[in-house]
């Protein structure tokens, strides 16, 4: 018989693995939703169900232009002429 702790651990690992596989293997613009019900039977007697409902938002990194220029040594921390801070 599957112990409750083992079942919960397996459910978490499966949901995480499937989400990571979809996130890394499928091309999407902003959002990916994984939904499914997986049934697992052990020794023809013990059955447990894994219900997956995960929504993944694509991470969009926004960078302040002034910070990027300063980090690259471009403007040396100075504001370009004619602009204000």
Protein backbone atom coordinates (compact mmCIF):
# COMPACT_ATOMS: atom_id res chain seq x y z
CA UNK A 1 0.00 0.00 0.00
CA UNK A 2 1.23 3.49 -0.85
CA UNK A 3 1.85 5.56 2.22
CA UNK A 4 0.23 8.98 2.22
CA UNK A 5 3.64 10.70 2.43
CA UNK A 6 4.99 8.72 -0.54
CA UNK A 7 1.91 9.45 -2.60
CA UNK A 8 2.10 13.17 -1.92
CA UNK A 9 5.80 13.22 -2.73
CA UNK A 10 5.24 11.38 -6.03
CA UNK A 11 2.34 13.69 -6.93
CA UNK A 12 4.50 16.74 -6.34
CA UNK A 13 7.46 15.32 -8.29
CA UNK A 14 5.29 14.29 -11.25
CA UNK A 15 3.49 17.64 -11.44
CA UNK A 16 6.80 19.50 -11.28
CA UNK A 17 8.51 17.25 -13.86
CA UNK A 18 5.64 17.50 -16.34
CA UNK A 19 5.45 21.28 -15.94
CA UNK A 20 9.21 21.66 -16.48
CA UNK A 21 9.13 19.40 -19.55
CA UNK A 22 6.29 21.42 -21.07
CA UNK A 23 7.88 24.76 -20.18
CA UNK A 24 11.23 23.80 -21.70
CA UNK A 25 9.93 21.76 -24.62
CA UNK A 26 7.06 23.87 -25.94
CA UNK A 27 7.20 27.33 -27.42
CA UNK A 28 4.61 29.73 -25.99
CA UNK A 29 4.26 33.50 -25.85
CA UNK A 30 2.91 34.31 -22.42
CA UNK A 31 1.13 31.48 -20.61
CA UNK A 32 1.12 27.70 -20.54
CA UNK A 33 -1.49 25.64 -18.68
CA UNK A 34 -0.98 21.96 -17.90
CA UNK A 35 -4.08 20.05 -16.87
CA UNK A 36 -4.44 16.34 -16.49
CA UNK A 37 -5.39 13.39 -14.37
CA UNK A 38 -2.93 10.53 -14.14
CA UNK A 39 -3.88 7.22 -12.53
CA UNK A 40 -1.16 4.99 -11.12
CA UNK A 41 -1.80 1.38 -10.11
CA UNK A 42 0.62 -0.58 -7.96
CA UNK A 43 0.56 -4.39 -7.90
CA UNK A 44 -2.92 -4.49 -9.43
CA UNK A 45 -4.44 -3.26 -6.18
CA UNK A 46 -3.27 0.12 -4.93
CA UNK A 47 -4.40 3.06 -7.05
CA UNK A 48 -3.68 6.71 -6.60
CA UNK A 49 -4.55 9.65 -8.77
CA UNK A 50 -2.39 12.62 -9.64
CA UNK A 51 -4.39 15.70 -10.58
CA UNK A 52 -2.28 18.36 -12.29
CA UNK A 53 -3.39 21.93 -12.82
CA UNK A 54 -0.45 24.25 -13.31
CA UNK A 55 -0.30 27.60 -15.05
CA UNK A 56 3.11 28.89 -16.05
CA UNK A 57 3.69 32.49 -17.07
CA UNK A 58 6.60 33.19 -19.34
CA UNK A 59 9.16 35.24 -17.49
CA UNK A 60 9.74 38.56 -19.17
CA UNK A 61 12.75 40.42 -17.94
CA UNK A 62 12.40 44.17 -18.03
CA UNK A 63 15.57 46.17 -17.67
CA UNK A 64 15.89 49.86 -17.01
CA UNK A 65 17.87 51.29 -19.95
CA UNK A 66 19.82 53.67 -17.74
CA UNK A 67 20.90 50.79 -15.48
CA UNK A 68 21.97 48.68 -18.46
CA UNK A 69 24.09 51.51 -19.86
CA UNK A 70 25.70 52.13 -16.47
CA UNK A 71 26.52 48.45 -15.97
CA UNK A 72 28.15 48.25 -19.39
CA UNK A 73 30.16 51.42 -18.75
CA UNK A 74 28.50 53.25 -21.61
CA UNK A 75 27.35 56.55 -20.18
CA UNK A 76 29.45 56.33 -17.04
CA UNK A 77 26.46 57.12 -14.87
CA UNK A 78 25.78 60.36 -16.73
CA UNK A 79 22.36 61.21 -18.11
CA UNK A 80 22.45 61.87 -21.87
CA UNK A 81 22.33 65.56 -22.76
CA UNK A 82 18.83 66.99 -23.01
CA UNK A 83 17.22 64.37 -20.76
CA UNK A 84 16.36 64.56 -17.09
CA UNK A 85 16.62 62.03 -14.30
